[in-house]
Amino acid sequence: MKRILLIAALSALSLNSYAADVCDSASQEFAAAVEVYQEEGGTAFMKRVLKNGPLENDTRSLDQAQVLGQIEQFFGALEGASILSTKALGAKSCYIIGILEYENGPAFAVANYYSGSKGVGATSMFFKTEPEQILPSEFLVQ
């Protein structure tokens, strides 16, 4: 019985470690995409976000760059970005909430990254300018 419990505990630790690795990799991918955004613009950002994922080169997914263009029209140029939260969803998926900091205001990004056969890539991403539409209530009210 002790042996079974030890094996189960080690397996859980291994899965938690692997899930943390997925979020570390996803965070690095998001940061790399932000660098590309600052250098090459919104379309290049979306291509980088989707790289290695199942939606890589999907034209409908790349259309999210149009949303970024609309945000830039009102908020100005992107100045930086931060990751507000990461949450492992299983052993291979990481949910990220990020903030894109523009010259005149923020936009919030939500992405799900997945570790697949080609590496870590986003399976979805969307943007909003209203924090209450993205952020959990504990971020907004305490």
C-alpha atoms as a PDB file:
ATOM      1  CA  MET A   1       0.000   0.000   0.000  1.00  0.00           C
ATOM      2  CA  LYS A   2       2.830   2.386   0.889  1.00  0.00           C
ATOM      3  CA  ARG A   3       4.489   1.586  -2.425  1.00  0.00           C
ATOM      4  CA  ILE A   4       1.306   2.460  -4.352  1.00  0.00           C
ATOM      5  CA  LEU A   5       0.940   5.748  -2.472  1.00  0.00           C
ATOM      6  CA  LEU A   6       4.592   6.595  -3.132  1.00  0.00           C
ATOM      7  CA  ILE A   7       4.202   5.864  -6.852  1.00  0.00           C
ATOM      8  CA  ALA A   8       1.015   7.966  -6.992  1.00  0.00           C
ATOM      9  CA  ALA A   9       2.725  10.859  -5.182  1.00  0.00           C
ATOM     10  CA  LEU A  10       5.734  10.736  -7.497  1.00  0.00           C
ATOM     11  CA  SER A  11       3.456  10.626 -10.540  1.00  0.00           C
ATOM     12  CA  ALA A  12       1.521  13.664  -9.294  1.00  0.00           C
ATOM     13  CA  LEU A  13       4.774  15.556  -8.690  1.00  0.00           C
ATOM     14  CA  SER A  14       5.976  14.633 -12.155  1.00  0.00           C
ATOM     15  CA  LEU A  15       2.719  15.840 -13.771  1.00  0.00           C
ATOM     16  CA  ASN A  16       2.795  19.088 -11.774  1.00  0.00           C
ATOM     17  CA  SER A  17       6.408  19.647 -12.789  1.00  0.00           C
ATOM     18  CA  TYR A  18       5.583  18.976 -16.445  1.00  0.00           C
ATOM     19  CA  ALA A  19       2.566  21.311 -16.284  1.00  0.00           C
ATOM     20  CA  ALA A  20       4.758  24.048 -14.797  1.00  0.00           C
ATOM     21  CA  ASP A  21       7.240  23.477 -17.643  1.00  0.00           C
ATOM     22  CA  VAL A  22       4.407  23.964 -20.148  1.00  0.00           C
ATOM     23  CA  CYS A  23       3.522  27.326 -18.583  1.00  0.00           C
ATOM     24  CA  ASP A  24       7.193  28.342 -18.546  1.00  0.00           C
ATOM     25  CA  SER A  25       7.477  27.468 -22.239  1.00  0.00           C
ATOM     26  CA  ALA A  26       4.174  29.198 -23.031  1.00  0.00           C
ATOM     27  CA  SER A  27       5.299  32.345 -21.208  1.00  0.00           C
ATOM     28  CA  GLN A  28       8.532  32.366 -23.200  1.00  0.00           C
ATOM     29  CA  GLU A  29       6.559  31.933 -26.440  1.00  0.00           C
ATOM     30  CA  PHE A  30       4.239  34.818 -25.523  1.00  0.00           C
ATOM     31  CA  ALA A  31       7.224  37.064 -24.694  1.00  0.00           C
ATOM     32  CA  ALA A  32       8.878  36.158 -28.007  1.00  0.00           C
ATOM     33  CA  ALA A  33       5.649  36.995 -29.845  1.00  0.00           C
ATOM     34  CA  VAL A  34       5.515  40.408 -28.139  1.00  0.00           C
ATOM     35  CA  GLU A  35       9.066  41.128 -29.319  1.00  0.00           C
ATOM     36  CA  VAL A  36       8.015  40.252 -32.867  1.00  0.00           C
ATOM     37  CA  TYR A  37       4.948  42.500 -32.483  1.00  0.00           C
ATOM     38  CA  GLN A  38       7.100  45.474 -31.511  1.00  0.00           C
ATOM     39  CA  GLU A  39       9.474  44.885 -34.427  1.00  0.00           C
ATOM     40  CA  GLU A  40       7.132  43.738 -37.218  1.00  0.00           C
ATOM     41  CA  GLY A  41       3.527  44.477 -36.246  1.00  0.00           C
ATOM     42  CA  GLY A  42       0.293  42.683 -35.401  1.00  0.00           C
ATOM     43  CA  THR A  43       0.220  40.157 -38.254  1.00  0.00           C
ATOM     44  CA  ALA A  44       3.735  38.953 -37.407  1.00  0.00           C
ATOM     45  CA  PHE A  45       2.664  38.746 -33.746  1.00  0.00           C
ATOM     46  CA  MET A  46      -0.273  36.488 -34.566  1.00  0.00           C
ATOM     47  CA  LYS A  47       1.879  34.287 -36.808  1.00  0.00           C
ATOM     48  CA  ARG A  48       4.372  33.910 -33.950  1.00  0.00           C
ATOM     49  CA  VAL A  49       1.629  33.182 -31.405  1.00  0.00           C
ATOM     50  CA  LEU A  50       0.162  30.447 -33.600  1.00  0.00           C
ATOM     51  CA  LYS A  51       3.544  28.943 -34.538  1.00  0.00           C
ATOM     52  CA  ASN A  52       3.780  25.227 -33.626  1.00  0.00           C
ATOM     53  CA  GLY A  53       0.062  25.039 -32.865  1.00  0.00           C
ATOM     54  CA  PRO A  54      -2.766  23.423 -34.812  1.00  0.00           C
ATOM     55  CA  LEU A  55      -3.894  26.828 -36.151  1.00  0.00           C
ATOM     56  CA  GLU A  56      -0.527  27.795 -37.619  1.00  0.00           C
ATOM     57  CA  ASN A  57      -1.183  29.484 -40.996  1.00  0.00           C
ATOM     58  CA  ASP A  58      -4.973  29.412 -40.472  1.00  0.00           C
ATOM     59  CA  THR A  59      -6.217  32.594 -42.144  1.00  0.00           C
ATOM     60  CA  ARG A  60      -9.233  33.002 -39.839  1.00  0.00           C
ATOM     61  CA  SER A  61      -6.976  32.883 -36.794  1.00  0.00           C
ATOM     62  CA  LEU A  62      -4.529  35.316 -38.363  1.00  0.00           C
ATOM     63  CA  ASP A  63      -7.445  37.747 -38.782  1.00  0.00           C
ATOM     64  CA  GLN A  64      -7.073  38.518 -35.045  1.00  0.00           C
ATOM     65  CA  ALA A  65      -4.329  40.896 -36.209  1.00  0.00           C
ATOM     66  CA  GLN A  66      -7.139  43.170 -37.455  1.00  0.00           C
ATOM     67  CA  VAL A  67      -8.352  43.518 -33.866  1.00  0.00           C
ATOM     68  CA  LEU A  68      -4.861  44.610 -32.866  1.00  0.00           C
ATOM     69  CA  GLY A  69      -4.895  47.177 -35.675  1.00  0.00           C
ATOM     70  CA  GLN A  70      -8.158  48.607 -34.339  1.00  0.00           C
ATOM     71  CA  ILE A  71      -6.742  48.777 -30.813  1.00  0.00           C
ATOM     72  CA  GLU A  72      -3.646  50.569 -32.130  1.00  0.00           C
ATOM     73  CA  GLN A  73      -5.841  53.158 -33.916  1.00  0.00           C
ATOM     74  CA  PHE A  74      -7.215  54.282 -30.565  1.00  0.00           C
ATOM     75  CA  PHE A  75      -4.481  53.365 -28.077  1.00  0.00           C
ATOM     76  CA  GLY A  76      -1.338  54.106 -30.101  1.00  0.00           C
ATOM     77  CA  ALA A  77       1.813  52.045 -30.460  1.00  0.00           C
ATOM     78  CA  LEU A  78       2.617  49.013 -28.334  1.00  0.00           C
ATOM     79  CA  GLU A  79       5.157  49.913 -25.649  1.00  0.00           C
ATOM     80  CA  GLY A  80       5.427  46.641 -23.753  1.00  0.00           C
ATOM     81  CA  ALA A  81       3.605  43.681 -22.297  1.00  0.00           C
ATOM     82  CA  SER A  82       3.338  41.626 -19.126  1.00  0.00           C
ATOM     83  CA  ILE A  83       1.894  38.281 -18.170  1.00  0.00           C
ATOM     84  CA  LEU A  84      -0.635  38.725 -15.390  1.00  0.00           C
ATOM     85  CA  SER A  85      -1.447  35.072 -14.819  1.00  0.00           C
ATOM     86  CA  THR A  86      -0.656  31.554 -15.973  1.00  0.00           C
ATOM     87  CA  LYS A  87      -2.655  28.475 -15.115  1.00  0.00           C
ATOM     88  CA  ALA A  88      -1.777  24.926 -16.102  1.00  0.00           C
ATOM     89  CA  LEU A  89      -4.806  23.122 -17.513  1.00  0.00           C
ATOM     90  CA  GLY A  90      -3.679  19.546 -17.390  1.00  0.00           C
ATOM     91  CA  ALA A  91      -0.170  18.422 -18.214  1.00  0.00           C
ATOM     92  CA  LYS A  92       0.068  19.900 -21.737  1.00  0.00           C
ATOM     93  CA  SER A  93      -1.983  23.101 -21.722  1.00  0.00           C
ATOM     94  CA  CYS A  94      -1.403  26.550 -20.210  1.00  0.00           C
ATOM     95  CA  TYR A  95      -3.923  29.397 -19.984  1.00  0.00           C
ATOM     96  CA  ILE A  96      -2.293  32.836 -20.050  1.00  0.00           C
ATOM     97  CA  ILE A  97      -3.740  36.254 -19.295  1.00  0.00           C
ATOM     98  CA  GLY A  98      -1.484  39.034 -20.516  1.00  0.00           C
ATOM     99  CA  ILE A  99      -1.619  42.785 -20.749  1.00  0.00           C
ATOM    100  CA  LEU A 100      -0.483  44.645 -23.848  1.00  0.00           C
ATOM    101  CA  GLU A 101       0.577  48.147 -22.832  1.00  0.00           C
ATOM    102  CA  TYR A 102      -0.011  50.714 -25.553  1.00  0.00           C
ATOM    103  CA  GLU A 103       0.897  54.383 -25.599  1.00  0.00           C
ATOM    104  CA  ASN A 104      -2.607  55.475 -24.477  1.00  0.00           C
ATOM    105  CA  GLY A 105      -3.996  52.454 -22.634  1.00  0.00           C
ATOM    106  CA  PRO A 106      -3.970  48.702 -22.105  1.00  0.00           C
ATOM    107  CA  ALA A 107      -5.493  45.778 -23.914  1.00  0.00           C
ATOM    108  CA  PHE A 108      -5.806  42.333 -22.405  1.00  0.00           C
ATOM    109  CA  ALA A 109      -4.912  39.113 -24.176  1.00  0.00           C
ATOM    110  CA  VAL A 110      -6.065  35.620 -23.298  1.00  0.00           C
ATOM    111  CA  ALA A 111      -4.300  32.655 -24.849  1.00  0.00           C
ATOM    112  CA  ASN A 112      -4.310  28.922 -24.450  1.00  0.00           C
ATOM    113  CA  TYR A 113      -0.991  27.327 -25.319  1.00  0.00           C
ATOM    114  CA  TYR A 114      -0.627  23.604 -25.897  1.00  0.00           C
ATOM    115  CA  SER A 115       2.454  21.416 -26.004  1.00  0.00           C
ATOM    116  CA  GLY A 116       2.032  19.330 -29.148  1.00  0.00           C
ATOM    117  CA  SER A 117       4.209  17.348 -31.493  1.00  0.00           C
ATOM    118  CA  LYS A 118       5.849  20.482 -32.986  1.00  0.00           C
ATOM    119  CA  GLY A 119       6.369  22.298 -29.674  1.00  0.00           C
ATOM    120  CA  VAL A 120       4.355  24.822 -27.684  1.00  0.00           C
ATOM    121  CA  GLY A 121       1.878  26.890 -29.705  1.00  0.00           C
ATOM    122  CA  ALA A 122      -1.366  28.713 -29.104  1.00  0.00           C
ATOM    123  CA  THR A 123      -4.663  27.002 -29.815  1.00  0.00           C
ATOM    124  CA  SER A 124      -6.586  30.224 -29.213  1.00  0.00           C
ATOM    125  CA  MET A 125      -6.089  33.905 -28.425  1.00  0.00           C
ATOM    126  CA  PHE A 126      -8.405  36.877 -28.105  1.00  0.00           C
ATOM    127  CA  PHE A 127      -8.159  40.513 -27.038  1.00  0.00           C
ATOM    128  CA  LYS A 128     -10.337  42.953 -25.099  1.00  0.00           C
ATOM    129  CA  THR A 129      -9.791  46.490 -23.853  1.00  0.00           C
ATOM    130  CA  GLU A 130     -12.148  46.139 -20.874  1.00  0.00           C
ATOM    131  CA  PRO A 131     -10.492  44.274 -17.980  1.00  0.00           C
ATOM    132  CA  GLU A 132     -13.824  43.132 -16.557  1.00  0.00           C
ATOM    133  CA  GLN A 133     -14.446  41.116 -19.729  1.00  0.00           C
ATOM    134  CA  ILE A 134     -11.288  39.059 -19.216  1.00  0.00           C
ATOM    135  CA  LEU A 135      -9.911  39.257 -15.718  1.00  0.00           C
ATOM    136  CA  PRO A 136     -11.294  37.141 -12.898  1.00  0.00           C
ATOM    137  CA  SER A 137     -13.069  39.195 -10.246  1.00  0.00           C
ATOM    138  CA  GLU A 138     -10.246  38.628  -7.712  1.00  0.00           C
ATOM    139  CA  PHE A 139      -7.954  40.681  -9.982  1.00  0.00           C
ATOM    140  CA  LEU A 140     -10.417  43.563 -10.021  1.00  0.00           C
ATOM    141  CA  VAL A 141     -11.964  43.611  -6.542  1.00  0.00           C
ATOM    142  CA  GLN A 142     -10.580  42.467  -3.212  1.00  0.00           C
END
